Every structure is written in structure tokens, then in C-alpha cells.
Amino acid sequence: MFIKTIVKTDKTTKKIYEYLRLCESYRLGDKTRHHTIVSLGLLPYLDSREKKKELADRLESLLIGNSSLFLDAFDPEIESLAQLFYRKIAEKKTLNQQEVPPLKSNLSDINGLIVKNIRNVDLNSIVTEDVREIGAEWLCYQAIKQLSIASFLKAQGWEQRWINYAIIHIISKAVYPCSENKSEYWICNNSDVASLFGLESHKITRHHLYQVSRKLHQIKWNIEPNYHIKPIHYSIFRTKLYFTISRTLILKAAKKQAN
């Protein structure tokens, strides 16, 4: 379904008016025709293509019986217009179908909104395969992207594959801090972090992690000035505006001794 604009000109005043119609397309032989479901009249609020599409989509969902549990997601004005014209269509029966489904405005009865499609399932036959986690890994990846770590390593002359291994290693240390040997098992069996880079989990070994750790250690004196002296305007990294790595560690050690 779509909203069609009909332009008409007043012969006396020469003023142009735009009338809207809700239409659906159908084929007649080798030609496409438009069937008017309901005339919407003059609607100045629908002043953009996006609003017209939103109203047409909402009306279509109501007409085919799809109810949404999240009515707050709709524009209140669009929802009001959709409910109004839905009732007009239901009363005039202008839609080319056997029955217009009743409007379900009360969402308290969730069972009434579910199309029943009951099947008998043997619970013992249900198995899970290759279930992995990605939530914490994704959050860490977003922080790493904000810090432009990939760009920094590329500027150091690193190849893309080692940049990927380095970021995977950093994420694994943040989410599941352990040895490289256990990190390999975690990456291969529990986490889907490798998929963030289009890699296969079983191809990342502890030897890659050992080697990328050494490579990171070799440029540690380039890493510290880049992320602990150069200002980066992110509130979550505010500490580095005032302290270097060594001073931060000293303060933490002193705090532990005081406790």
C-alpha cells in the first residue's frame, strides 16, 4: 500500500491543492492499476515522503491484523490518523478482502494478539550448536574504535591481520582476563569476537596471541604518550588528562596501602 498524491487546481483562485489517497497496486493483464482504498483528503501534516510512508505502513499493518506492542514508537499524529482511516475503511468495506480484522487497541490481553500456530515438540530433540557470546566483546570493540587503536597501529606500520589479532587480544583481556592458553580456548569455544573481523575462531591460536603481545610490548613507549598525554575528549577517559600510566598505578598502590 502507498499514499498517492492527486494535484488539483481551483479554476477561480488558481490555488493548487494536494489530495491524498491510500491505494494498492494490482495487475490487469500486462498493466499495473491503482485501486483507491480510502480518500485521505487534505492533510497538511503529511508534508514529507517519510510521513506518508509511515502512515501507509501503519495502515497496512492494521489492515492485515498485525498489532504492535510498542505503540510509543509511532508518531502520535500518525497513529491518530491511522486509527481514524482504519475505522473508515472498516465501515465502508473498501478493502478488497473478505474481512477487515477488528482493531485491537487494548494490549492488556497479550494472548489475543498472538496468532496461534501450535505444534507438538519433543523437548529431548532440541539441541544447541555453537552457541557463543558477543555482548561484552561488542561494547569493548566500540570503545576501541573510539580510541582509534586500529589507526594508531596502522601508523606504526602494522599489517591488517596483526591489527585484528591485537584488538582481539585486547578485548579478550578485558572480557575474560586469563593466560593466552585459556584465551585461545575462550575464543575458539565461547566467544564470537573473531566474527567482528570476519575471522574464523578456530584459526586464532595462542601463538598469535603470544606474538601480538610481544609486538605490543615493543611499541609500549609509543602507546603511552598517544593515550595518556595527548588529550582525548571522552569523559570515560578523563583520568588520562591528568596522570600518566605510572602515576596512576602509584596512586592506586598508595590507596591500597592506606586501606
C-alpha atoms as a PDB file:
ATOM      1  CA  MET A   1       0.000   0.000   0.000  1.00  0.00           C
ATOM      2  CA  PHE A   2       1.065   3.560  -0.645  1.00  0.00           C
ATOM      3  CA  ILE A   3      -0.266   7.101  -0.449  1.00  0.00           C
ATOM      4  CA  LYS A   4      -0.921   8.702  -3.817  1.00  0.00           C
ATOM      5  CA  THR A   5      -0.981  12.481  -4.284  1.00  0.00           C
ATOM      6  CA  ILE A   6      -3.655  13.976  -6.558  1.00  0.00           C
ATOM      7  CA  VAL A   7      -2.973  17.586  -7.568  1.00  0.00           C
ATOM      8  CA  LYS A   8      -5.992  19.773  -8.319  1.00  0.00           C
ATOM      9  CA  THR A   9      -6.223  23.475  -9.192  1.00  0.00           C
ATOM     10  CA  ASP A  10      -9.086  25.740  -8.243  1.00  0.00           C
ATOM     11  CA  LYS A  11     -10.307  27.291 -11.506  1.00  0.00           C
ATOM     12  CA  THR A  12     -11.366  30.510  -9.784  1.00  0.00           C
ATOM     13  CA  THR A  13      -8.470  31.221  -7.430  1.00  0.00           C
ATOM     14  CA  LYS A  14      -5.853  29.190  -9.323  1.00  0.00           C
ATOM     15  CA  LYS A  15      -4.786  27.777  -5.963  1.00  0.00           C
ATOM     16  CA  ILE A  16      -3.248  24.314  -6.039  1.00  0.00           C
ATOM     17  CA  TYR A  17      -4.446  21.623  -3.632  1.00  0.00           C
ATOM     18  CA  GLU A  18      -2.946  18.210  -2.956  1.00  0.00           C
ATOM     19  CA  TYR A  19      -5.433  15.465  -2.123  1.00  0.00           C
ATOM     20  CA  LEU A  20      -4.147  12.195  -0.740  1.00  0.00           C
ATOM     21  CA  ARG A  21      -5.435   8.681  -1.327  1.00  0.00           C
ATOM     22  CA  LEU A  22      -4.457   5.348   0.164  1.00  0.00           C
ATOM     23  CA  CYS A  23      -4.005   2.979  -2.765  1.00  0.00           C
ATOM     24  CA  GLU A  24      -2.884  -0.530  -3.547  1.00  0.00           C
ATOM     25  CA  SER A  25      -1.449  -1.811  -6.820  1.00  0.00           C
ATOM     26  CA  TYR A  26      -2.812  -4.714  -8.846  1.00  0.00           C
ATOM     27  CA  ARG A  27      -2.146  -6.130 -12.285  1.00  0.00           C
ATOM     28  CA  LEU A  28      -4.675  -6.197 -15.094  1.00  0.00           C
ATOM     29  CA  GLY A  29      -3.170  -8.193 -17.911  1.00  0.00           C
ATOM     30  CA  ASP A  30       0.258  -6.704 -18.533  1.00  0.00           C
ATOM     31  CA  LYS A  31      -0.617  -3.351 -16.971  1.00  0.00           C
ATOM     32  CA  THR A  32      -0.444  -2.073 -13.392  1.00  0.00           C
ATOM     33  CA  ARG A  33      -3.509  -0.376 -11.934  1.00  0.00           C
ATOM     34  CA  HIS A  34      -4.155   1.505  -8.700  1.00  0.00           C
ATOM     35  CA  HIS A  35      -7.151   0.735  -6.519  1.00  0.00           C
ATOM     36  CA  THR A  36      -8.182   3.511  -4.121  1.00  0.00           C
ATOM     37  CA  ILE A  37      -8.903   2.093  -0.680  1.00  0.00           C
ATOM     38  CA  VAL A  38      -9.838   5.370   1.002  1.00  0.00           C
ATOM     39  CA  SER A  39      -9.524   9.088   0.253  1.00  0.00           C
ATOM     40  CA  LEU A  40      -7.491  10.872   2.907  1.00  0.00           C
ATOM     41  CA  GLY A  41      -8.361  14.384   1.758  1.00  0.00           C
ATOM     42  CA  LEU A  42      -6.159  17.354   2.598  1.00  0.00           C
ATOM     43  CA  LEU A  43      -3.553  16.505   5.246  1.00  0.00           C
ATOM     44  CA  PRO A  44      -1.023  19.342   5.643  1.00  0.00           C
ATOM     45  CA  TYR A  45       0.748  17.339   8.368  1.00  0.00           C
ATOM     46  CA  LEU A  46       1.924  14.811   5.777  1.00  0.00           C
ATOM     47  CA  ASP A  47       4.379  17.250   4.236  1.00  0.00           C
ATOM     48  CA  SER A  48       7.151  14.733   3.520  1.00  0.00           C
ATOM     49  CA  ARG A  49       7.559  11.408   1.783  1.00  0.00           C
ATOM     50  CA  GLU A  50       8.699   9.806   5.042  1.00  0.00           C
ATOM     51  CA  LYS A  51       5.489  10.747   6.880  1.00  0.00           C
ATOM     52  CA  LYS A  52       3.328   9.477   4.027  1.00  0.00           C
ATOM     53  CA  LYS A  53       5.174   6.171   4.001  1.00  0.00           C
ATOM     54  CA  GLU A  54       4.912   5.875   7.788  1.00  0.00           C
ATOM     55  CA  LEU A  55       1.124   6.374   7.643  1.00  0.00           C
ATOM     56  CA  ALA A  56       0.737   3.923   4.746  1.00  0.00           C
ATOM     57  CA  ASP A  57       2.819   1.277   6.538  1.00  0.00           C
ATOM     58  CA  ARG A  58       0.891   1.738   9.788  1.00  0.00           C
ATOM     59  CA  LEU A  59      -2.472   1.458   7.998  1.00  0.00           C
ATOM     60  CA  GLU A  60      -1.319  -1.659   6.187  1.00  0.00           C
ATOM     61  CA  SER A  61      -0.210  -3.295   9.432  1.00  0.00           C
ATOM     62  CA  LEU A  62      -3.626  -2.560  10.974  1.00  0.00           C
ATOM     63  CA  LEU A  63      -5.487  -3.870   7.924  1.00  0.00           C
ATOM     64  CA  ILE A  64      -3.630  -7.178   7.838  1.00  0.00           C
ATOM     65  CA  GLY A  65      -4.076  -7.637  11.584  1.00  0.00           C
ATOM     66  CA  ASN A  66      -0.523  -7.029  12.802  1.00  0.00           C
ATOM     67  CA  SER A  67      -0.623  -5.342  16.210  1.00  0.00           C
ATOM     68  CA  SER A  68       2.435  -3.695  17.712  1.00  0.00           C
ATOM     69  CA  LEU A  69       3.396  -3.997  21.377  1.00  0.00           C
ATOM     70  CA  PHE A  70       5.341  -0.724  21.160  1.00  0.00           C
ATOM     71  CA  LEU A  71       2.806   1.946  20.254  1.00  0.00           C
ATOM     72  CA  ASP A  72       5.057   4.617  21.779  1.00  0.00           C
ATOM     73  CA  ALA A  73       7.412   4.121  18.839  1.00  0.00           C
ATOM     74  CA  PHE A  74       4.866   5.674  16.459  1.00  0.00           C
ATOM     75  CA  ASP A  75       4.365   9.368  15.847  1.00  0.00           C
ATOM     76  CA  PRO A  76       1.212  10.238  17.876  1.00  0.00           C
ATOM     77  CA  GLU A  77      -0.247  12.262  14.988  1.00  0.00           C
ATOM     78  CA  ILE A  78       0.433   9.433  12.515  1.00  0.00           C
ATOM     79  CA  GLU A  79      -1.109   6.900  14.899  1.00  0.00           C
ATOM     80  CA  SER A  80      -4.220   9.077  15.338  1.00  0.00           C
ATOM     81  CA  LEU A  81      -4.663   9.377  11.558  1.00  0.00           C
ATOM     82  CA  ALA A  82      -4.095   5.652  11.098  1.00  0.00           C
ATOM     83  CA  GLN A  83      -6.778   4.772  13.642  1.00  0.00           C
ATOM     84  CA  LEU A  84      -9.215   7.255  12.052  1.00  0.00           C
ATOM     85  CA  PHE A  85      -8.849   5.999   8.491  1.00  0.00           C
ATOM     86  CA  TYR A  86      -8.751   2.381   9.617  1.00  0.00           C
ATOM     87  CA  ARG A  87     -12.265   2.797  11.028  1.00  0.00           C
ATOM     88  CA  LYS A  88     -13.434   4.444   7.803  1.00  0.00           C
ATOM     89  CA  ILE A  89     -12.119   1.500   5.781  1.00  0.00           C
ATOM     90  CA  ALA A  90     -13.752  -0.982   8.142  1.00  0.00           C
ATOM     91  CA  GLU A  91     -17.105   0.818   7.946  1.00  0.00           C
ATOM     92  CA  LYS A  92     -17.149   1.281   4.170  1.00  0.00           C
ATOM     93  CA  LYS A  93     -15.509  -2.093   3.438  1.00  0.00           C
ATOM     94  CA  THR A  94     -13.468  -0.600   0.627  1.00  0.00           C
ATOM     95  CA  LEU A  95     -10.624  -3.067   1.034  1.00  0.00           C
ATOM     96  CA  ASN A  96     -10.666  -5.954  -1.420  1.00  0.00           C
ATOM     97  CA  GLN A  97     -10.657  -8.757   1.115  1.00  0.00           C
ATOM     98  CA  GLN A  98     -13.189 -10.917   2.898  1.00  0.00           C
ATOM     99  CA  GLU A  99     -12.994  -9.237   6.270  1.00  0.00           C
ATOM    100  CA  VAL A 100     -11.130  -6.351   7.838  1.00  0.00           C
ATOM    101  CA  PRO A 101      -9.668  -7.589  11.137  1.00  0.00           C
ATOM    102  CA  PRO A 102     -11.040  -5.871  14.261  1.00  0.00           C
ATOM    103  CA  LEU A 103      -8.900  -3.132  15.746  1.00  0.00           C
ATOM    104  CA  LYS A 104      -7.007  -4.271  18.844  1.00  0.00           C
ATOM    105  CA  SER A 105      -6.307  -1.126  20.793  1.00  0.00           C
ATOM    106  CA  ASN A 106      -6.234  -2.779  24.212  1.00  0.00           C
ATOM    107  CA  LEU A 107      -2.877  -4.500  24.591  1.00  0.00           C
ATOM    108  CA  SER A 108      -3.518  -5.846  28.077  1.00  0.00           C
ATOM    109  CA  ASP A 109      -4.554  -9.225  26.720  1.00  0.00           C
ATOM    110  CA  ILE A 110      -1.364 -10.362  25.022  1.00  0.00           C
ATOM    111  CA  ASN A 111      -2.770 -13.780  24.191  1.00  0.00           C
ATOM    112  CA  GLY A 112      -5.380 -12.170  21.970  1.00  0.00           C
ATOM    113  CA  LEU A 113      -2.652 -10.618  19.830  1.00  0.00           C
ATOM    114  CA  ILE A 114      -0.800 -13.858  19.153  1.00  0.00           C
ATOM    115  CA  VAL A 115      -1.652 -15.837  16.059  1.00  0.00           C
ATOM    116  CA  LYS A 116      -1.862 -19.371  17.339  1.00  0.00           C
ATOM    117  CA  ASN A 117       0.378 -21.792  15.480  1.00  0.00           C
ATOM    118  CA  ILE A 118       0.562 -24.768  17.798  1.00  0.00           C
ATOM    119  CA  ARG A 119       2.904 -27.684  17.179  1.00  0.00           C
ATOM    120  CA  ASN A 120       3.904 -30.656  19.314  1.00  0.00           C
ATOM    121  CA  VAL A 121       7.643 -30.576  20.022  1.00  0.00           C
ATOM    122  CA  ASP A 122       9.760 -33.261  21.638  1.00  0.00           C
ATOM    123  CA  LEU A 123      11.865 -31.282  24.120  1.00  0.00           C
ATOM    124  CA  ASN A 124      14.512 -34.007  24.166  1.00  0.00           C
ATOM    125  CA  SER A 125      15.066 -33.431  20.462  1.00  0.00           C
ATOM    126  CA  ILE A 126      16.102 -29.795  20.945  1.00  0.00           C
ATOM    127  CA  VAL A 127      19.848 -29.223  20.770  1.00  0.00           C
ATOM    128  CA  THR A 128      22.044 -26.139  20.602  1.00  0.00           C
ATOM    129  CA  GLU A 129      25.055 -25.891  18.339  1.00  0.00           C
ATOM    130  CA  ASP A 130      27.986 -23.497  18.545  1.00  0.00           C
ATOM    131  CA  VAL A 131      26.347 -21.055  20.981  1.00  0.00           C
ATOM    132  CA  ARG A 132      28.595 -18.027  21.514  1.00  0.00           C
ATOM    133  CA  GLU A 133      28.567 -14.698  23.360  1.00  0.00           C
ATOM    134  CA  ILE A 134      29.187 -11.327  21.733  1.00  0.00           C
ATOM    135  CA  GLY A 135      27.700  -8.643  24.022  1.00  0.00           C
ATOM    136  CA  ALA A 136      30.675  -7.558  26.146  1.00  0.00           C
ATOM    137  CA  GLU A 137      33.003  -8.072  23.197  1.00  0.00           C
ATOM    138  CA  TRP A 138      30.932  -5.691  21.087  1.00  0.00           C
ATOM    139  CA  LEU A 139      30.984  -2.993  23.781  1.00  0.00           C
ATOM    140  CA  CYS A 140      34.764  -3.253  24.090  1.00  0.00           C
ATOM    141  CA  TYR A 141      35.093  -3.070  20.325  1.00  0.00           C
ATOM    142  CA  GLN A 142      33.108   0.191  20.273  1.00  0.00           C
ATOM    143  CA  ALA A 143      35.450   1.715  22.883  1.00  0.00           C
ATOM    144  CA  ILE A 144      38.492   0.584  20.873  1.00  0.00           C
ATOM    145  CA  LYS A 145      37.039   2.198  17.752  1.00  0.00           C
ATOM    146  CA  GLN A 146      36.537   5.465  19.660  1.00  0.00           C
ATOM    147  CA  LEU A 147      40.181   5.380  20.705  1.00  0.00           C
ATOM    148  CA  SER A 148      41.259   4.781  17.069  1.00  0.00           C
ATOM    149  CA  ILE A 149      43.597   1.996  18.140  1.00  0.00           C
ATOM    150  CA  ALA A 150      43.459   0.391  14.698  1.00  0.00           C
ATOM    151  CA  SER A 151      44.559   3.664  13.058  1.00  0.00           C
ATOM    152  CA  PHE A 152      47.355   4.049  15.605  1.00  0.00           C
ATOM    153  CA  LEU A 153      48.713   0.543  14.944  1.00  0.00           C
ATOM    154  CA  LYS A 154      48.460   1.067  11.198  1.00  0.00           C
ATOM    155  CA  ALA A 155      50.536   4.238  11.571  1.00  0.00           C
ATOM    156  CA  GLN A 156      53.158   2.085  13.316  1.00  0.00           C
ATOM    157  CA  GLY A 157      53.447   0.009  10.134  1.00  0.00           C
ATOM    158  CA  TRP A 158      51.426  -2.982  11.293  1.00  0.00           C
ATOM    159  CA  GLU A 159      49.758  -5.335   8.827  1.00  0.00           C
ATOM    160  CA  GLN A 160      45.956  -5.572   8.998  1.00  0.00           C
ATOM    161  CA  ARG A 161      45.963  -9.164  10.265  1.00  0.00           C
ATOM    162  CA  TRP A 162      48.153  -8.219  13.229  1.00  0.00           C
ATOM    163  CA  ILE A 163      45.968  -5.220  13.946  1.00  0.00           C
ATOM    164  CA  ASN A 164      42.986  -7.602  14.103  1.00  0.00           C
ATOM    165  CA  TYR A 165      44.868 -10.003  16.373  1.00  0.00           C
ATOM    166  CA  ALA A 166      45.881  -7.122  18.660  1.00  0.00           C
ATOM    167  CA  ILE A 167      42.313  -5.847  19.044  1.00  0.00           C
ATOM    168  CA  ILE A 168      41.006  -9.383  19.627  1.00  0.00           C
ATOM    169  CA  HIS A 169      43.703  -9.868  22.273  1.00  0.00           C
ATOM    170  CA  ILE A 170      42.832  -6.564  23.996  1.00  0.00           C
ATOM    171  CA  ILE A 171      39.129  -7.446  24.017  1.00  0.00           C
ATOM    172  CA  SER A 172      39.819 -10.929  25.393  1.00  0.00           C
ATOM    173  CA  LYS A 173      41.920  -9.475  28.211  1.00  0.00           C
ATOM    174  CA  ALA A 174      39.139  -7.036  29.093  1.00  0.00           C
ATOM    175  CA  VAL A 175      36.263  -9.521  28.953  1.00  0.00           C
ATOM    176  CA  TYR A 176      37.994 -12.733  30.046  1.00  0.00           C
ATOM    177  CA  PRO A 177      41.351 -11.879  31.696  1.00  0.00           C
ATOM    178  CA  CYS A 178      43.482 -15.009  31.767  1.00  0.00           C
ATOM    179  CA  SER A 179      46.518 -16.606  30.135  1.00  0.00           C
ATOM    180  CA  GLU A 180      46.980 -16.766  26.378  1.00  0.00           C
ATOM    181  CA  ASN A 181      46.369 -20.510  26.531  1.00  0.00           C
ATOM    182  CA  LYS A 182      42.955 -20.048  28.178  1.00  0.00           C
ATOM    183  CA  SER A 183      42.232 -17.096  25.907  1.00  0.00           C
ATOM    184  CA  GLU A 184      42.672 -19.366  22.911  1.00  0.00           C
ATOM    185  CA  TYR A 185      40.133 -21.825  24.355  1.00  0.00           C
ATOM    186  CA  TRP A 186      37.713 -18.982  25.148  1.00  0.00           C
ATOM    187  CA  ILE A 187      37.967 -17.521  21.641  1.00  0.00           C
ATOM    188  CA  CYS A 188      37.550 -20.927  19.982  1.00  0.00           C
ATOM    189  CA  ASN A 189      34.702 -22.230  22.139  1.00  0.00           C
ATOM    190  CA  ASN A 190      32.823 -19.429  23.924  1.00  0.00           C
ATOM    191  CA  SER A 191      33.240 -16.052  22.291  1.00  0.00           C
ATOM    192  CA  ASP A 192      32.322 -14.826  18.829  1.00  0.00           C
ATOM    193  CA  VAL A 193      34.828 -11.964  18.941  1.00  0.00           C
ATOM    194  CA  ALA A 194      36.570 -13.250  15.808  1.00  0.00           C
ATOM    195  CA  SER A 195      33.430 -12.639  13.743  1.00  0.00           C
ATOM    196  CA  LEU A 196      33.818  -8.883  14.335  1.00  0.00           C
ATOM    197  CA  PHE A 197      36.780  -9.074  11.966  1.00  0.00           C
ATOM    198  CA  GLY A 198      35.474 -11.727   9.600  1.00  0.00           C
ATOM    199  CA  LEU A 199      37.810 -14.364  11.020  1.00  0.00           C
ATOM    200  CA  GLU A 200      37.202 -17.974  11.975  1.00  0.00           C
ATOM    201  CA  SER A 201      37.544 -18.592  15.697  1.00  0.00           C
ATOM    202  CA  HIS A 202      39.459 -21.866  15.421  1.00  0.00           C
ATOM    203  CA  LYS A 203      42.184 -20.196  13.330  1.00  0.00           C
ATOM    204  CA  ILE A 204      43.235 -17.874  16.170  1.00  0.00           C
ATOM    205  CA  THR A 205      45.776 -19.703  18.320  1.00  0.00           C
ATOM    206  CA  ARG A 206      47.718 -18.892  21.452  1.00  0.00           C
ATOM    207  CA  HIS A 207      50.829 -18.464  19.283  1.00  0.00           C
ATOM    208  CA  HIS A 208      49.161 -15.493  17.565  1.00  0.00           C
ATOM    209  CA  LEU A 209      48.315 -14.052  20.986  1.00  0.00           C
ATOM    210  CA  TYR A 210      51.869 -14.579  22.282  1.00  0.00           C
ATOM    211  CA  GLN A 211      53.351 -12.901  19.224  1.00  0.00           C
ATOM    212  CA  VAL A 212      50.963  -9.937  19.209  1.00  0.00           C
ATOM    213  CA  SER A 213      51.691  -9.396  22.930  1.00  0.00           C
ATOM    214  CA  ARG A 214      55.389  -9.102  22.122  1.00  0.00           C
ATOM    215  CA  LYS A 215      54.656  -6.724  19.254  1.00  0.00           C
ATOM    216  CA  LEU A 216      52.546  -4.512  21.534  1.00  0.00           C
ATOM    217  CA  HIS A 217      55.304  -4.542  24.141  1.00  0.00           C
ATOM    218  CA  GLN A 218      57.817  -3.338  21.572  1.00  0.00           C
ATOM    219  CA  ILE A 219      55.820  -0.136  20.965  1.00  0.00           C
ATOM    220  CA  LYS A 220      54.738   0.467  24.555  1.00  0.00           C
ATOM    221  CA  TRP A 221      56.620   3.791  24.704  1.00  0.00           C
ATOM    222  CA  ASN A 222      54.627   4.977  21.701  1.00  0.00           C
ATOM    223  CA  ILE A 223      51.341   3.801  23.166  1.00  0.00           C
ATOM    224  CA  GLU A 224      51.636   5.699  26.464  1.00  0.00           C
ATOM    225  CA  PRO A 225      52.097   9.219  25.002  1.00  0.00           C
ATOM    226  CA  ASN A 226      49.345   8.596  22.497  1.00  0.00           C
ATOM    227  CA  TYR A 227      46.678   7.668  25.077  1.00  0.00           C
ATOM    228  CA  HIS A 228      47.824   9.224  28.370  1.00  0.00           C
ATOM    229  CA  ILE A 229      49.300  12.621  27.485  1.00  0.00           C
ATOM    230  CA  LYS A 230      47.561  13.621  24.253  1.00  0.00           C
ATOM    231  CA  PRO A 231      44.071  14.898  25.205  1.00  0.00           C
ATOM    232  CA  ILE A 232      41.152  12.764  24.085  1.00  0.00           C
ATOM    233  CA  HIS A 233      37.760  14.331  24.750  1.00  0.00           C
ATOM    234  CA  TYR A 234      35.871  11.341  26.106  1.00  0.00           C
ATOM    235  CA  SER A 235      34.559  11.618  29.648  1.00  0.00           C
ATOM    236  CA  ILE A 236      35.233   7.927  30.397  1.00  0.00           C
ATOM    237  CA  PHE A 237      38.952   8.523  29.758  1.00  0.00           C
ATOM    238  CA  ARG A 238      39.165  11.742  31.778  1.00  0.00           C
ATOM    239  CA  THR A 239      41.800  10.375  34.173  1.00  0.00           C
ATOM    240  CA  LYS A 240      44.479  10.328  31.477  1.00  0.00           C
ATOM    241  CA  LEU A 241      44.259  14.102  31.098  1.00  0.00           C
ATOM    242  CA  TYR A 242      45.991  14.468  34.470  1.00  0.00           C
ATOM    243  CA  PHE A 243      48.036  11.314  35.081  1.00  0.00           C
ATOM    244  CA  THR A 244      50.383   9.100  33.107  1.00  0.00           C
ATOM    245  CA  ILE A 245      50.268   5.312  33.436  1.00  0.00           C
ATOM    246  CA  SER A 246      52.994   5.197  36.093  1.00  0.00           C
ATOM    247  CA  ARG A 247      51.404   7.934  38.232  1.00  0.00           C
ATOM    248  CA  THR A 248      48.020   6.278  38.029  1.00  0.00           C
ATOM    249  CA  LEU A 249      49.497   2.973  39.180  1.00  0.00           C
ATOM    250  CA  ILE A 250      51.341   4.687  42.044  1.00  0.00           C
ATOM    251  CA  LEU A 251      48.138   6.356  43.233  1.00  0.00           C
ATOM    252  CA  LYS A 252      46.273   3.043  43.108  1.00  0.00           C
ATOM    253  CA  ALA A 253      49.063   1.319  45.052  1.00  0.00           C
ATOM    254  CA  ALA A 254      49.083   4.091  47.682  1.00  0.00           C
ATOM    255  CA  LYS A 255      45.317   3.842  48.053  1.00  0.00           C
ATOM    256  CA  LYS A 256      45.545   0.086  48.646  1.00  0.00           C
ATOM    257  CA  GLN A 257      48.245   0.588  51.282  1.00  0.00           C
ATOM    258  CA  ALA A 258      46.151   3.226  53.039  1.00  0.00           C
ATOM    259  CA  ASN A 259      43.219   0.810  53.216  1.00  0.00           C
END
